[in-house]
Amino acid sequence: MAIHGTALVHPSAFVEEGATIGPDCFIGPFALIGPEVTLHKGVTVKSHAVVTGWTEIGDDTTIFPFACVGEVPQDLKFKGERTRLIVGKRCKIREGATLNTGTEGGGGITRVGDDCLLMTGAHIGHDAQLGNRIVLANQVAIAGHCHIGDDVIVGGLSGIHQWVRVGQGAIIGAVTMVTNDVLPYGLVQGPRGVLDGLNLVGLKRRGVDRADITAMRAAFQMLAQGEGSFLDRARRLAEETDSPYVREMTDFILSATDRSFLTPK
């Protein structure tokens, strides 16, 4: 463990053997710094924040309470390989934000550039590559393998699908799901919250029998296009079906709720 003489570490903080703490750093109460972490000059880690993994934090970056920086990827293919997270200078990583290290299959490094603001609850997935001066508003989720160019702004509660590229200077509106590449300086807005089909990939991965999938697809079409109201169609379908999967759908629709439904289009 190497802690520079000008660094301040609160007595209740835990800095593991092997960590490197640079000059003028501040580690707040109950913060945790892992054994492969390097904090460069002037980094502040506030109370109850966690910085772990093979992680490097650039000069004058501030990590706010309850952020978790450098934990392992949320990827079932990850088998414990040694991968990295690199965060640039003067970033602000706000409360509850999560940044994961990379994966072997994705290049091994998650990277965030300089002067980025990651607001409350923002998430940076494994192997994502973020440029400089990026703003992610509250609860934005950047999935694995994304490339986000310099000066991009992403509005609150928005998500960027894995492998998507967002070009320099683009802006993404709030509550937007981005599933395709965004050209530089583009403007993207509008939610994608429509019921547009069945999760066929998920059903196949679960090993659901083809006959049941066929029955569910037919049920979906009936719910979308049959006679009567949506609830009328569900009741009629419940009376006619032999499929337990379709029965699960109709039971859900016909059970008590305080909300309306996203209906098939």
Protein backbone atom coordinates (compact mmCIF):
# COMPACT_ATOMS: atom_id res chain seq x y z
CA MET A 1 0.00 0.00 0.00
CA ALA A 2 1.31 3.45 -0.95
CA ILE A 3 -0.47 6.47 0.52
CA HIS A 4 1.08 9.84 -0.31
CA GLY A 5 1.94 11.98 2.68
CA THR A 6 -0.48 14.72 1.63
CA ALA A 7 -3.46 12.37 1.27
CA LEU A 8 -6.14 12.38 3.97
CA VAL A 9 -7.77 9.06 4.87
CA HIS A 10 -10.59 9.00 7.40
CA PRO A 11 -9.93 6.55 10.26
CA SER A 12 -13.07 4.56 9.43
CA ALA A 13 -12.15 4.14 5.75
CA PHE A 14 -10.63 0.85 4.63
CA VAL A 15 -7.75 0.99 2.18
CA GLU A 16 -6.58 -2.49 1.22
CA GLU A 17 -2.94 -3.46 0.95
CA GLY A 18 -1.63 -2.77 -2.55
CA ALA A 19 -3.69 0.34 -3.29
CA THR A 20 -1.95 3.52 -4.47
CA ILE A 21 -3.30 6.82 -3.13
CA GLY A 22 -1.81 9.92 -4.77
CA PRO A 23 -1.09 13.40 -3.41
CA ASP A 24 -3.93 15.53 -2.06
CA CYS A 25 -6.45 12.70 -2.22
CA PHE A 26 -9.25 12.48 0.32
CA ILE A 27 -10.88 9.20 1.40
CA GLY A 28 -14.06 9.78 3.40
CA PRO A 29 -15.61 7.81 6.26
CA PHE A 30 -16.48 4.17 5.62
CA ALA A 31 -15.20 4.29 2.05
CA LEU A 32 -13.54 1.14 0.65
CA ILE A 33 -10.50 1.20 -1.64
CA GLY A 34 -9.49 -2.13 -3.16
CA PRO A 35 -5.96 -3.56 -3.48
CA GLU A 36 -5.52 -2.86 -7.22
CA VAL A 37 -6.87 0.69 -7.19
CA THR A 38 -4.80 3.71 -8.20
CA LEU A 39 -6.08 7.16 -7.27
CA HIS A 40 -4.16 9.98 -8.94
CA LYS A 41 -3.65 13.50 -7.60
CA GLY A 42 -6.56 15.20 -5.87
CA VAL A 43 -9.12 12.39 -6.11
CA THR A 44 -11.95 12.56 -3.59
CA VAL A 45 -13.81 9.42 -2.54
CA LYS A 46 -16.71 10.42 -0.32
CA SER A 47 -18.31 8.46 2.50
CA HIS A 48 -19.52 4.91 1.83
CA ALA A 49 -18.27 4.84 -1.76
CA VAL A 50 -16.54 1.71 -3.08
CA VAL A 51 -13.63 1.76 -5.51
CA THR A 52 -12.39 -1.73 -6.26
CA GLY A 53 -11.05 -3.98 -9.03
CA TRP A 54 -8.10 -3.10 -11.26
CA THR A 55 -9.18 0.52 -11.42
CA GLU A 56 -7.43 3.80 -12.17
CA ILE A 57 -9.00 7.16 -11.34
CA GLY A 58 -7.63 10.36 -12.91
CA ASP A 59 -6.68 13.64 -11.27
CA ASP A 60 -9.31 15.64 -9.36
CA THR A 61 -12.16 13.21 -9.97
CA THR A 62 -14.81 13.07 -7.25
CA ILE A 63 -16.71 9.90 -6.35
CA PHE A 64 -19.84 10.55 -4.33
CA PRO A 65 -21.45 8.45 -1.57
CA PHE A 66 -22.64 4.93 -2.37
CA ALA A 67 -21.16 4.88 -5.87
CA CYS A 68 -19.64 1.52 -6.78
CA VAL A 69 -16.68 1.87 -9.11
CA GLY A 70 -14.70 -1.05 -10.53
CA GLU A 71 -16.84 -4.04 -9.61
CA VAL A 72 -16.95 -7.09 -11.88
CA PRO A 73 -19.07 -7.06 -15.05
CA GLN A 74 -22.74 -7.97 -15.10
CA ASP A 75 -22.01 -10.59 -17.73
CA LEU A 76 -22.64 -14.31 -17.26
CA LYS A 77 -19.67 -15.06 -19.53
CA PHE A 78 -17.29 -13.39 -17.07
CA LYS A 79 -15.16 -16.01 -15.32
CA GLY A 80 -13.00 -13.85 -13.11
CA GLU A 81 -10.42 -12.76 -15.67
CA ARG A 82 -8.33 -9.74 -14.71
CA THR A 83 -9.79 -6.73 -16.52
CA ARG A 84 -9.66 -2.97 -16.00
CA LEU A 85 -11.58 0.24 -15.51
CA ILE A 86 -9.94 3.57 -16.35
CA VAL A 87 -11.61 6.87 -15.43
CA GLY A 88 -10.16 10.18 -16.60
CA LYS A 89 -9.55 13.53 -14.96
CA ARG A 90 -12.05 15.87 -13.28
CA CYS A 91 -14.99 13.53 -13.56
CA LYS A 92 -17.91 13.62 -11.17
CA ILE A 93 -19.38 10.23 -10.35
CA ARG A 94 -22.54 10.90 -8.39
CA GLU A 95 -24.44 8.95 -5.74
CA GLY A 96 -25.27 5.37 -6.56
CA ALA A 97 -23.54 5.29 -9.93
CA THR A 98 -22.01 1.97 -11.00
CA LEU A 99 -19.04 1.45 -13.31
CA ASN A 100 -17.88 -2.07 -14.20
CA THR A 101 -14.55 -3.39 -15.39
CA GLY A 102 -14.19 -4.96 -18.84
CA THR A 103 -14.38 -8.53 -20.05
CA GLU A 104 -11.79 -10.61 -21.84
CA GLY A 105 -14.04 -10.98 -24.90
CA GLY A 106 -14.71 -7.25 -25.07
CA GLY A 107 -11.13 -6.02 -24.97
CA GLY A 108 -10.63 -6.07 -21.23
CA ILE A 109 -11.01 -2.33 -20.49
CA THR A 110 -13.93 -0.08 -19.65
CA ARG A 111 -12.92 3.54 -20.17
CA VAL A 112 -14.37 6.94 -19.23
CA GLY A 113 -12.67 10.11 -20.52
CA ASP A 114 -12.04 13.48 -18.88
CA ASP A 115 -14.57 15.98 -17.47
CA CYS A 116 -17.54 13.62 -17.52
CA LEU A 117 -20.59 13.98 -15.27
CA LEU A 118 -22.30 10.73 -14.37
CA MET A 119 -25.38 11.66 -12.38
CA THR A 120 -27.22 9.72 -9.70
CA GLY A 121 -27.68 6.04 -10.47
CA ALA A 122 -25.98 6.12 -13.86
CA HIS A 123 -24.50 2.81 -15.04
CA ILE A 124 -21.50 2.16 -17.28
CA GLY A 125 -21.43 -1.44 -18.48
CA HIS A 126 -18.44 -3.62 -19.24
CA ASP A 127 -16.12 -2.68 -22.11
CA ALA A 128 -17.96 0.59 -22.78
CA GLN A 129 -15.78 3.38 -24.16
CA LEU A 130 -16.79 6.92 -23.22
CA GLY A 131 -15.10 10.05 -24.53
CA ASN A 132 -14.65 13.44 -22.87
CA ARG A 133 -17.18 15.94 -21.47
CA ILE A 134 -20.06 13.48 -21.53
CA VAL A 135 -23.14 14.09 -19.38
CA LEU A 136 -25.29 11.16 -18.30
CA ALA A 137 -28.37 12.32 -16.43
CA ASN A 138 -30.00 10.44 -13.57
CA GLN A 139 -30.46 6.68 -14.00
CA VAL A 140 -29.00 6.49 -17.52
CA ALA A 141 -27.82 2.98 -18.44
CA ILE A 142 -24.96 2.47 -20.88
CA ALA A 143 -24.81 -1.19 -21.80
CA GLY A 144 -21.73 -3.25 -22.52
CA HIS A 145 -19.50 -2.53 -25.53
CA CYS A 146 -21.06 0.89 -26.29
CA HIS A 147 -18.95 3.70 -27.74
CA ILE A 148 -20.02 7.19 -26.72
CA GLY A 149 -18.27 10.12 -28.41
CA ASP A 150 -17.09 13.41 -26.91
CA ASP A 151 -19.67 15.96 -25.70
CA VAL A 152 -22.64 13.59 -25.80
CA ILE A 153 -25.57 14.29 -23.47
CA VAL A 154 -27.97 11.54 -22.50
CA GLY A 155 -31.25 12.49 -20.80
CA GLY A 156 -32.55 10.91 -17.62
CA LEU A 157 -33.89 7.35 -17.51
CA SER A 158 -32.58 6.61 -20.99
CA GLY A 159 -30.80 3.45 -22.07
CA ILE A 160 -28.19 2.72 -24.73
CA HIS A 161 -28.34 -0.82 -26.09
CA GLN A 162 -25.21 -2.95 -26.12
CA TRP A 163 -22.78 -2.39 -29.00
CA VAL A 164 -24.40 0.91 -30.04
CA ARG A 165 -22.20 3.83 -31.11
CA VAL A 166 -23.25 7.41 -30.34
CA GLY A 167 -21.32 9.98 -32.32
CA GLN A 168 -19.67 13.11 -30.99
CA GLY A 169 -21.98 15.93 -29.94
CA ALA A 170 -25.19 13.94 -30.13
CA ILE A 171 -28.00 14.47 -27.64
CA ILE A 172 -30.40 11.80 -26.44
CA GLY A 173 -33.70 12.92 -24.92
CA ALA A 174 -35.01 11.69 -21.60
CA VAL A 175 -36.75 8.31 -21.30
CA THR A 176 -35.39 7.12 -24.64
CA MET A 177 -34.16 3.66 -25.61
CA VAL A 178 -31.43 3.83 -28.26
CA THR A 179 -31.01 0.59 -30.19
CA ASN A 180 -29.07 1.74 -33.25
CA ASP A 181 -26.06 3.94 -33.96
CA VAL A 182 -26.52 7.71 -33.69
CA LEU A 183 -24.70 9.94 -36.13
CA PRO A 184 -22.51 12.75 -34.77
CA TYR A 185 -24.50 15.78 -33.62
CA GLY A 186 -27.76 13.95 -34.04
CA LEU A 187 -30.82 14.47 -31.85
CA VAL A 188 -32.68 11.39 -30.68
CA GLN A 189 -35.89 11.50 -28.66
CA GLY A 190 -39.06 9.57 -28.02
CA PRO A 191 -39.72 6.44 -25.98
CA ARG A 192 -39.94 2.97 -27.45
CA GLY A 193 -42.47 1.72 -24.91
CA VAL A 194 -44.90 -0.24 -27.08
CA LEU A 195 -45.79 -3.89 -26.84
CA ASP A 196 -44.40 -5.02 -30.17
CA GLY A 197 -44.26 -8.79 -29.94
CA LEU A 198 -43.09 -11.67 -27.79
CA ASN A 199 -39.68 -12.28 -26.29
CA LEU A 200 -39.02 -15.16 -28.66
CA VAL A 201 -35.28 -15.19 -28.01
CA GLY A 202 -35.87 -15.53 -24.28
CA LEU A 203 -38.44 -18.30 -24.80
CA LYS A 204 -36.04 -20.25 -27.01
CA ARG A 205 -33.20 -19.80 -24.54
CA ARG A 206 -35.43 -21.22 -21.80
CA GLY A 207 -36.09 -24.29 -23.92
CA VAL A 208 -39.82 -23.69 -24.32
CA ASP A 209 -41.33 -26.19 -26.72
CA ARG A 210 -41.97 -24.99 -30.27
CA ALA A 211 -45.66 -25.89 -29.97
CA ASP A 212 -46.03 -23.64 -26.95
CA ILE A 213 -44.25 -20.80 -28.72
CA THR A 214 -46.57 -21.23 -31.69
CA ALA A 215 -49.58 -21.15 -29.36
CA MET A 216 -48.30 -17.97 -27.70
CA ARG A 217 -47.76 -16.27 -31.05
CA ALA A 218 -51.30 -17.16 -32.09
CA ALA A 219 -52.57 -15.87 -28.74
CA PHE A 220 -50.71 -12.61 -29.22
CA GLN A 221 -52.31 -12.13 -32.60
CA MET A 222 -55.74 -12.85 -31.15
CA LEU A 223 -55.17 -10.32 -28.37
CA ALA A 224 -54.11 -7.76 -30.96
CA GLN A 225 -56.74 -8.30 -33.61
CA GLY A 226 -59.67 -10.24 -32.20
CA GLU A 227 -63.20 -8.98 -31.70
CA GLY A 228 -64.25 -7.07 -28.61
CA SER A 229 -62.17 -5.26 -26.04
CA PHE A 230 -58.73 -6.36 -24.92
CA LEU A 231 -60.20 -7.93 -21.78
CA ASP A 232 -62.95 -9.63 -23.79
CA ARG A 233 -60.30 -11.21 -26.04
CA ALA A 234 -58.31 -12.35 -23.00
CA ARG A 235 -61.37 -13.97 -21.42
CA ARG A 236 -62.23 -15.78 -24.64
CA LEU A 237 -58.64 -16.92 -25.05
CA ALA A 238 -58.57 -18.23 -21.47
CA GLU A 239 -61.56 -20.41 -22.23
CA GLU A 240 -60.07 -21.82 -25.42
CA THR A 241 -56.40 -22.44 -24.69
CA ASP A 242 -54.67 -25.65 -23.59
CA SER A 243 -51.23 -24.08 -23.33
CA PRO A 244 -49.94 -23.35 -19.81
CA TYR A 245 -47.92 -20.43 -21.20
CA VAL A 246 -50.96 -18.83 -22.80
CA ARG A 247 -52.88 -19.50 -19.59
CA GLU A 248 -50.19 -17.59 -17.68
CA MET A 249 -50.65 -14.64 -20.03
CA THR A 250 -54.45 -14.60 -19.67
CA ASP A 251 -54.31 -15.04 -15.90
CA PHE A 252 -52.03 -12.02 -15.69
CA ILE A 253 -54.30 -9.91 -17.87
CA LEU A 254 -57.45 -10.90 -15.98
CA SER A 255 -56.00 -10.50 -12.49
CA ALA A 256 -56.64 -7.39 -10.40
CA THR A 257 -54.60 -4.31 -11.28
CA ASP A 258 -54.64 -0.56 -10.74
CA ARG A 259 -53.06 0.11 -14.13
CA SER A 260 -53.96 -0.25 -17.78
CA PHE A 261 -51.95 -2.44 -20.15
CA LEU A 262 -49.54 -1.98 -22.96
CA THR A 263 -51.60 -3.69 -25.64
CA PRO A 264 -50.37 -5.40 -28.81
CA LYS A 265 -50.11 -3.18 -31.88
